Amino acid sequence: MMRERKFKKRFCKYCESKVDYIDYKDVAGLKFSLSERYKIMPRRLTGNCKRHQELVTVAIKRARQTALIPYIVDRKNVVDAPFETSNR
């Protein structure tokens, strides 16, 4: 007997919008694949297909290398909204 699913089936948002290339300069688009500590989230959580997850990973690594996204965040100073810029 087959069990009913308790969760909604995830889908690849990049396949749905027919994206061929993920730009590393689009930080707002990449933030959905990052955790609050800037770690790359796995496919099972984001719902990306294998091809697009690899493109996202490469784009995030390039953005880190060009200093658009930090490599690490200090454990004690976790930022609430990491992609919002404050004009102080």
N, C-alpha and C. Protein backbone atom coordinates (compact mmCIF):
# COMPACT_ATOMS: atom_id res chain seq x y z
N MET A 1 0.83 -1.16 0.00
CA MET A 1 0.00 0.00 0.00
C MET A 1 0.89 1.25 0.00
N MET A 2 0.58 2.18 -0.86
CA MET A 2 1.38 3.38 -1.02
C MET A 2 0.96 4.45 -0.01
N ARG A 3 1.94 5.07 0.60
CA ARG A 3 1.65 6.12 1.57
C ARG A 3 1.40 7.44 0.86
N GLU A 4 0.57 8.25 1.47
CA GLU A 4 0.30 9.57 0.92
C GLU A 4 1.46 10.49 1.25
N ARG A 5 1.72 11.44 0.36
CA ARG A 5 2.79 12.40 0.60
C ARG A 5 2.35 13.42 1.63
N LYS A 6 3.28 13.78 2.48
CA LYS A 6 3.01 14.79 3.48
C LYS A 6 3.52 16.16 3.04
N PHE A 7 4.21 16.18 1.91
CA PHE A 7 4.79 17.43 1.46
C PHE A 7 4.47 17.66 -0.01
N LYS A 8 4.60 18.89 -0.42
CA LYS A 8 4.35 19.27 -1.80
C LYS A 8 5.57 18.94 -2.65
N LYS A 9 5.35 18.42 -3.84
CA LYS A 9 6.46 18.07 -4.72
C LYS A 9 7.14 19.35 -5.20
N ARG A 10 8.45 19.37 -5.05
CA ARG A 10 9.21 20.55 -5.45
C ARG A 10 9.51 20.49 -6.94
N PHE A 11 9.67 21.66 -7.54
CA PHE A 11 9.95 21.74 -8.97
C PHE A 11 11.08 22.74 -9.19
N CYS A 12 11.73 22.61 -10.30
CA CYS A 12 12.85 23.48 -10.65
C CYS A 12 12.30 24.77 -11.24
N LYS A 13 12.53 25.87 -10.58
CA LYS A 13 12.02 27.15 -11.07
C LYS A 13 12.78 27.62 -12.30
N TYR A 14 14.01 27.15 -12.47
CA TYR A 14 14.79 27.52 -13.64
C TYR A 14 14.32 26.78 -14.90
N CYS A 15 13.91 25.52 -14.74
CA CYS A 15 13.36 24.78 -15.88
C CYS A 15 12.03 25.38 -16.30
N GLU A 16 11.24 25.80 -15.32
CA GLU A 16 9.93 26.35 -15.60
C GLU A 16 10.04 27.66 -16.39
N SER A 17 11.06 28.48 -16.07
CA SER A 17 11.24 29.74 -16.78
C SER A 17 12.23 29.62 -17.95
N LYS A 18 12.68 28.39 -18.23
CA LYS A 18 13.56 28.07 -19.37
C LYS A 18 14.85 28.89 -19.36
N VAL A 19 15.57 28.83 -18.25
CA VAL A 19 16.83 29.56 -18.10
C VAL A 19 17.96 28.66 -18.57
N ASP A 20 18.83 29.21 -19.44
CA ASP A 20 19.98 28.47 -19.92
C ASP A 20 21.26 28.82 -19.17
N TYR A 21 21.33 30.05 -18.67
CA TYR A 21 22.54 30.53 -18.01
C TYR A 21 22.14 31.30 -16.75
N ILE A 22 22.82 31.04 -15.66
CA ILE A 22 22.56 31.74 -14.41
C ILE A 22 23.72 32.70 -14.17
N ASP A 23 23.42 33.98 -14.13
CA ASP A 23 24.44 35.01 -14.03
C ASP A 23 24.91 35.17 -12.59
N TYR A 24 26.21 35.23 -12.40
CA TYR A 24 26.75 35.36 -11.05
C TYR A 24 26.57 36.76 -10.49
N LYS A 25 26.31 37.75 -11.35
CA LYS A 25 26.12 39.13 -10.89
C LYS A 25 24.71 39.39 -10.38
N ASP A 26 23.80 38.46 -10.60
CA ASP A 26 22.43 38.59 -10.13
C ASP A 26 22.33 38.03 -8.71
N VAL A 27 22.75 38.83 -7.76
CA VAL A 27 22.81 38.39 -6.37
C VAL A 27 21.40 38.16 -5.81
N ALA A 28 20.45 38.96 -6.24
CA ALA A 28 19.07 38.80 -5.76
C ALA A 28 18.49 37.47 -6.20
N GLY A 29 18.86 36.98 -7.36
CA GLY A 29 18.39 35.68 -7.82
C GLY A 29 19.08 34.51 -7.14
N LEU A 30 20.31 34.73 -6.73
CA LEU A 30 21.08 33.66 -6.08
C LEU A 30 20.74 33.51 -4.60
N LYS A 31 20.11 34.52 -4.02
CA LYS A 31 19.87 34.47 -2.57
C LYS A 31 18.89 33.37 -2.17
N PHE A 32 18.09 32.88 -3.12
CA PHE A 32 17.15 31.81 -2.81
C PHE A 32 17.84 30.46 -2.67
N SER A 33 19.08 30.38 -3.14
CA SER A 33 19.83 29.13 -3.04
C SER A 33 20.87 29.18 -1.92
N LEU A 34 20.81 30.22 -1.10
CA LEU A 34 21.76 30.36 0.01
C LEU A 34 21.02 30.36 1.33
N SER A 35 21.66 29.80 2.36
CA SER A 35 21.08 29.83 3.70
C SER A 35 21.43 31.16 4.36
N GLU A 36 20.99 31.34 5.61
CA GLU A 36 21.27 32.59 6.31
C GLU A 36 22.74 32.76 6.65
N ARG A 37 23.49 31.68 6.59
CA ARG A 37 24.94 31.75 6.79
C ARG A 37 25.70 31.64 5.47
N TYR A 38 25.03 31.90 4.39
CA TYR A 38 25.60 31.92 3.03
C TYR A 38 26.11 30.56 2.57
N LYS A 39 25.56 29.49 3.08
CA LYS A 39 25.91 28.16 2.58
C LYS A 39 24.99 27.83 1.41
N ILE A 40 25.49 27.06 0.46
CA ILE A 40 24.69 26.66 -0.69
C ILE A 40 23.71 25.58 -0.25
N MET A 41 22.44 25.83 -0.50
CA MET A 41 21.41 24.88 -0.08
C MET A 41 21.35 23.70 -1.05
N PRO A 42 21.08 22.50 -0.57
CA PRO A 42 21.06 21.31 -1.44
C PRO A 42 19.80 21.26 -2.32
N ARG A 43 19.86 20.40 -3.30
CA ARG A 43 18.76 20.24 -4.26
C ARG A 43 17.47 19.81 -3.60
N ARG A 44 17.55 18.99 -2.60
CA ARG A 44 16.33 18.48 -1.98
C ARG A 44 15.56 19.58 -1.27
N LEU A 45 16.24 20.68 -0.90
CA LEU A 45 15.55 21.79 -0.27
C LEU A 45 15.11 22.85 -1.26
N THR A 46 15.91 23.10 -2.30
CA THR A 46 15.56 24.14 -3.27
C THR A 46 14.64 23.63 -4.36
N GLY A 47 14.72 22.33 -4.67
CA GLY A 47 13.89 21.77 -5.72
C GLY A 47 14.49 21.89 -7.10
N ASN A 48 15.74 22.33 -7.20
CA ASN A 48 16.39 22.47 -8.50
C ASN A 48 16.71 21.11 -9.10
N CYS A 49 16.74 21.06 -10.42
CA CYS A 49 17.19 19.84 -11.08
C CYS A 49 18.72 19.81 -11.02
N LYS A 50 19.31 18.70 -11.41
CA LYS A 50 20.76 18.54 -11.29
C LYS A 50 21.51 19.56 -12.13
N ARG A 51 21.06 19.78 -13.34
CA ARG A 51 21.74 20.69 -14.26
C ARG A 51 21.75 22.12 -13.72
N HIS A 52 20.60 22.57 -13.26
CA HIS A 52 20.51 23.94 -12.77
C HIS A 52 21.17 24.10 -11.40
N GLN A 53 21.19 23.06 -10.59
CA GLN A 53 21.89 23.14 -9.31
C GLN A 53 23.38 23.30 -9.55
N GLU A 54 23.93 22.64 -10.55
CA GLU A 54 25.34 22.80 -10.88
C GLU A 54 25.63 24.21 -11.37
N LEU A 55 24.71 24.78 -12.18
CA LEU A 55 24.89 26.15 -12.66
C LEU A 55 24.80 27.15 -11.51
N VAL A 56 23.90 26.91 -10.57
CA VAL A 56 23.77 27.78 -9.40
C VAL A 56 25.03 27.71 -8.56
N THR A 57 25.57 26.53 -8.37
CA THR A 57 26.78 26.35 -7.58
C THR A 57 27.95 27.10 -8.20
N VAL A 58 28.11 27.00 -9.50
CA VAL A 58 29.20 27.70 -10.19
C VAL A 58 29.00 29.21 -10.08
N ALA A 59 27.76 29.68 -10.23
CA ALA A 59 27.48 31.11 -10.15
C ALA A 59 27.75 31.65 -8.75
N ILE A 60 27.39 30.89 -7.72
CA ILE A 60 27.64 31.33 -6.35
C ILE A 60 29.14 31.37 -6.07
N LYS A 61 29.87 30.39 -6.55
CA LYS A 61 31.32 30.37 -6.34
C LYS A 61 31.99 31.54 -7.06
N ARG A 62 31.51 31.89 -8.24
CA ARG A 62 32.06 33.05 -8.96
C ARG A 62 31.71 34.34 -8.25
N ALA A 63 30.51 34.44 -7.73
CA ALA A 63 30.11 35.64 -6.99
C ALA A 63 30.92 35.79 -5.71
N ARG A 64 31.26 34.70 -5.08
CA ARG A 64 32.11 34.75 -3.89
C ARG A 64 33.51 35.23 -4.25
N GLN A 65 34.01 34.76 -5.38
CA GLN A 65 35.36 35.13 -5.79
C GLN A 65 35.45 36.61 -6.17
N THR A 66 34.38 37.18 -6.68
CA THR A 66 34.36 38.60 -7.02
C THR A 66 33.87 39.46 -5.87
N ALA A 67 33.69 38.88 -4.70
CA ALA A 67 33.32 39.58 -3.46
C ALA A 67 31.91 40.15 -3.51
N LEU A 68 31.00 39.55 -4.26
CA LEU A 68 29.60 39.95 -4.23
C LEU A 68 28.86 39.26 -3.10
N ILE A 69 29.32 38.06 -2.74
CA ILE A 69 28.74 37.27 -1.65
C ILE A 69 29.90 36.85 -0.76
N PRO A 70 29.75 36.97 0.58
CA PRO A 70 30.86 36.55 1.45
C PRO A 70 31.01 35.04 1.50
N TYR A 71 32.22 34.59 1.80
CA TYR A 71 32.47 33.16 1.92
C TYR A 71 31.85 32.60 3.19
N ILE A 72 32.08 33.27 4.30
CA ILE A 72 31.57 32.79 5.59
C ILE A 72 30.97 33.95 6.37
N VAL A 73 30.14 33.59 7.32
CA VAL A 73 29.57 34.56 8.24
C VAL A 73 29.92 34.09 9.64
N ASP A 74 30.31 34.99 10.48
CA ASP A 74 30.67 34.66 11.86
C ASP A 74 29.47 34.07 12.58
N ARG A 75 29.68 33.04 13.36
CA ARG A 75 28.59 32.38 14.08
C ARG A 75 27.90 33.33 15.06
N LYS A 76 28.67 34.21 15.66
CA LYS A 76 28.10 35.10 16.66
C LYS A 76 27.36 36.28 16.05
N ASN A 77 27.71 36.64 14.84
CA ASN A 77 27.10 37.80 14.19
C ASN A 77 26.35 37.39 12.93
N VAL A 78 25.31 36.59 13.10
CA VAL A 78 24.50 36.16 11.96
C VAL A 78 23.60 37.32 11.55
N VAL A 79 23.60 37.64 10.27
CA VAL A 79 22.85 38.77 9.75
C VAL A 79 21.40 38.33 9.52
N ASP A 80 20.46 39.18 9.93
CA ASP A 80 19.04 38.86 9.75
C ASP A 80 18.65 38.90 8.28
N ALA A 81 18.96 40.00 7.61
CA ALA A 81 18.62 40.17 6.21
C ALA A 81 19.93 40.42 5.44
N PRO A 82 20.60 39.38 4.98
CA PRO A 82 21.94 39.54 4.42
C PRO A 82 22.01 40.31 3.10
N PHE A 83 20.94 40.34 2.33
CA PHE A 83 21.02 40.96 1.01
C PHE A 83 20.42 42.36 0.99
N GLU A 84 19.94 42.83 2.12
CA GLU A 84 19.43 44.20 2.18
C GLU A 84 20.57 45.11 2.58
N THR A 85 20.77 46.17 1.82
CA THR A 85 21.85 47.10 2.13
C THR A 85 21.33 48.18 3.05
N SER A 86 22.11 48.51 4.03
CA SER A 86 21.71 49.57 4.97
C SER A 86 22.50 50.83 4.64
N ASN A 87 21.82 51.94 4.63
CA ASN A 87 22.43 53.23 4.31
C ASN A 87 22.70 53.99 5.61
N ARG A 88 23.66 53.53 6.37
CA ARG A 88 24.00 54.19 7.64
C ARG A 88 25.20 55.05 7.46
